[in-house]
């Protein structure tokens, strides 16, 4: 899968698109095919290195906490969502700026039909 990877702390020039292996959902997690992801101030601070100790990340890593997309697979213990469900939500750790991302079921909700993924 392709993802926007932060190769070093700093500006946007430190982000490159790279091929990564497909993530796998663990217990209580959902694998999401990302259709839209946000870039918010938290992502910018993390990219700059300001919050690197809080989230315990070091380059290379994928940014992004907010996403919308379609559930592709679910891990053991997931009960509310199933593959094919349109979802939106957040992630406990960064990683939404890729084609696929893993998020906890407790941080995802069904996407309202009347809204687009971008909305």
Protein backbone atom coordinates (compact mmCIF):
# COMPACT_ATOMS: atom_id res chain seq x y z
CA UNK A 1 0.00 0.00 0.00
CA UNK A 2 1.08 3.59 -0.51
CA UNK A 3 1.40 6.05 2.38
CA UNK A 4 2.72 9.55 3.04
CA UNK A 5 5.73 8.86 5.24
CA UNK A 6 7.52 11.42 7.41
CA UNK A 7 11.18 10.49 6.92
CA UNK A 8 12.60 13.04 9.40
CA UNK A 9 11.25 15.67 11.76
CA UNK A 10 10.86 19.06 10.09
CA UNK A 11 8.81 20.65 7.32
CA UNK A 12 6.59 19.19 4.65
CA UNK A 13 9.64 18.53 2.51
CA UNK A 14 10.35 15.60 4.87
CA UNK A 15 7.21 13.73 3.67
CA UNK A 16 7.46 11.25 0.80
CA UNK A 17 5.05 8.72 -0.69
CA UNK A 18 6.36 5.24 -0.11
CA UNK A 19 5.16 1.63 -0.45
CA UNK A 20 4.54 -0.03 2.91
CA UNK A 21 3.28 -3.45 3.89
CA UNK A 22 -0.44 -3.84 4.49
CA UNK A 23 -1.38 -3.43 8.16
CA UNK A 24 -3.35 -6.13 9.97
CA UNK A 25 -6.08 -5.42 12.52
CA UNK A 26 -5.52 -6.82 15.99
CA UNK A 27 -8.09 -7.52 18.70
CA UNK A 28 -10.76 -4.80 18.77
CA UNK A 29 -9.36 -3.13 15.63
CA UNK A 30 -10.69 -2.40 12.15
CA UNK A 31 -8.68 -2.20 8.92
CA UNK A 32 -9.99 0.81 6.98
CA UNK A 33 -9.56 1.61 3.30
CA UNK A 34 -8.97 5.35 3.69
CA UNK A 35 -11.08 7.54 1.38
CA UNK A 36 -10.34 10.86 3.17
CA UNK A 37 -7.95 11.92 5.93
CA UNK A 38 -7.38 15.24 7.65
CA UNK A 39 -4.21 17.16 8.39
CA UNK A 40 -4.72 19.03 11.65
CA UNK A 41 -2.47 21.05 14.00
CA UNK A 42 -1.59 17.92 15.97
CA UNK A 43 -0.20 16.33 12.79
CA UNK A 44 1.87 19.44 12.07
CA UNK A 45 3.33 19.51 15.59
CA UNK A 46 4.13 15.81 15.42
CA UNK A 47 5.79 16.21 12.01
CA UNK A 48 7.91 19.06 13.40
CA UNK A 49 8.95 16.85 16.33
CA UNK A 50 7.18 18.85 19.06
CA UNK A 51 5.02 15.93 20.27
CA UNK A 52 7.39 13.08 19.43
CA UNK A 53 7.79 12.05 23.07
CA UNK A 54 4.05 12.08 23.80
CA UNK A 55 3.27 9.67 20.95
CA UNK A 56 6.63 7.90 21.09
CA UNK A 57 7.26 8.09 17.38
CA UNK A 58 10.48 8.43 15.48
CA UNK A 59 10.93 8.66 11.74
CA UNK A 60 9.94 7.07 9.52
CA UNK A 61 6.24 7.18 10.44
CA UNK A 62 2.86 7.90 8.85
CA UNK A 63 0.92 10.96 10.08
CA UNK A 64 -2.84 11.35 10.39
CA UNK A 65 -5.31 10.79 13.20
CA UNK A 66 -8.65 11.59 11.50
CA UNK A 67 -10.06 9.44 8.71
CA UNK A 68 -13.11 8.30 6.80
CA UNK A 69 -13.34 5.21 4.64
CA UNK A 70 -14.61 1.68 4.33
CA UNK A 71 -13.99 -1.19 6.72
CA UNK A 72 -12.01 -3.88 4.91
CA UNK A 73 -11.38 -6.38 7.71
CA UNK A 74 -12.02 -6.64 11.43
CA UNK A 75 -9.94 -8.14 14.20
CA UNK A 76 -11.11 -10.53 16.92
CA UNK A 77 -13.69 -9.07 19.28
CA UNK A 78 -15.07 -6.45 16.87
CA UNK A 79 -18.86 -6.53 17.15
CA UNK A 80 -20.31 -3.23 15.82
CA UNK A 81 -18.61 -3.00 12.43
CA UNK A 82 -18.05 -5.40 9.55
CA UNK A 83 -16.28 -5.33 6.19
CA UNK A 84 -18.07 -3.02 3.76
CA UNK A 85 -19.29 -0.55 6.40
CA UNK A 86 -18.59 3.13 5.67
CA UNK A 87 -16.95 4.62 8.77
CA UNK A 88 -15.33 7.77 10.12
CA UNK A 89 -13.40 8.54 13.28
CA UNK A 90 -10.01 8.97 14.79
CA UNK A 91 -6.99 6.89 15.70
CA UNK A 92 -5.15 6.55 19.02
CA UNK A 93 -1.83 6.66 17.14
CA UNK A 94 -0.96 8.34 13.85
CA UNK A 95 -1.29 6.41 10.59
CA UNK A 96 -4.31 7.69 8.60
CA UNK A 97 -2.29 9.15 5.71
CA UNK A 98 -2.08 5.88 3.85
CA UNK A 99 -4.31 3.81 1.60
CA UNK A 100 -5.06 1.56 4.60
CA UNK A 101 -5.09 2.27 8.33
CA UNK A 102 -5.93 0.35 11.50
CA UNK A 103 -8.16 2.01 14.09
CA UNK A 104 -9.82 0.80 17.26
CA UNK A 105 -13.49 -0.08 16.83
CA UNK A 106 -14.23 2.17 19.82
CA UNK A 107 -12.90 5.19 17.89
CA UNK A 108 -14.97 4.61 14.72
CA UNK A 109 -18.62 5.33 13.92
CA UNK A 110 -20.81 4.48 10.93
CA UNK A 111 -20.61 7.30 8.36
CA UNK A 112 -23.97 9.00 7.82
CA UNK A 113 -25.27 8.12 4.34
CA UNK A 114 -26.05 11.75 3.53
CA UNK A 115 -22.40 12.82 4.01
CA UNK A 116 -19.51 12.23 1.65
CA UNK A 117 -16.26 10.76 2.96
CA UNK A 118 -14.64 14.21 2.71
CA UNK A 119 -17.39 15.86 4.74
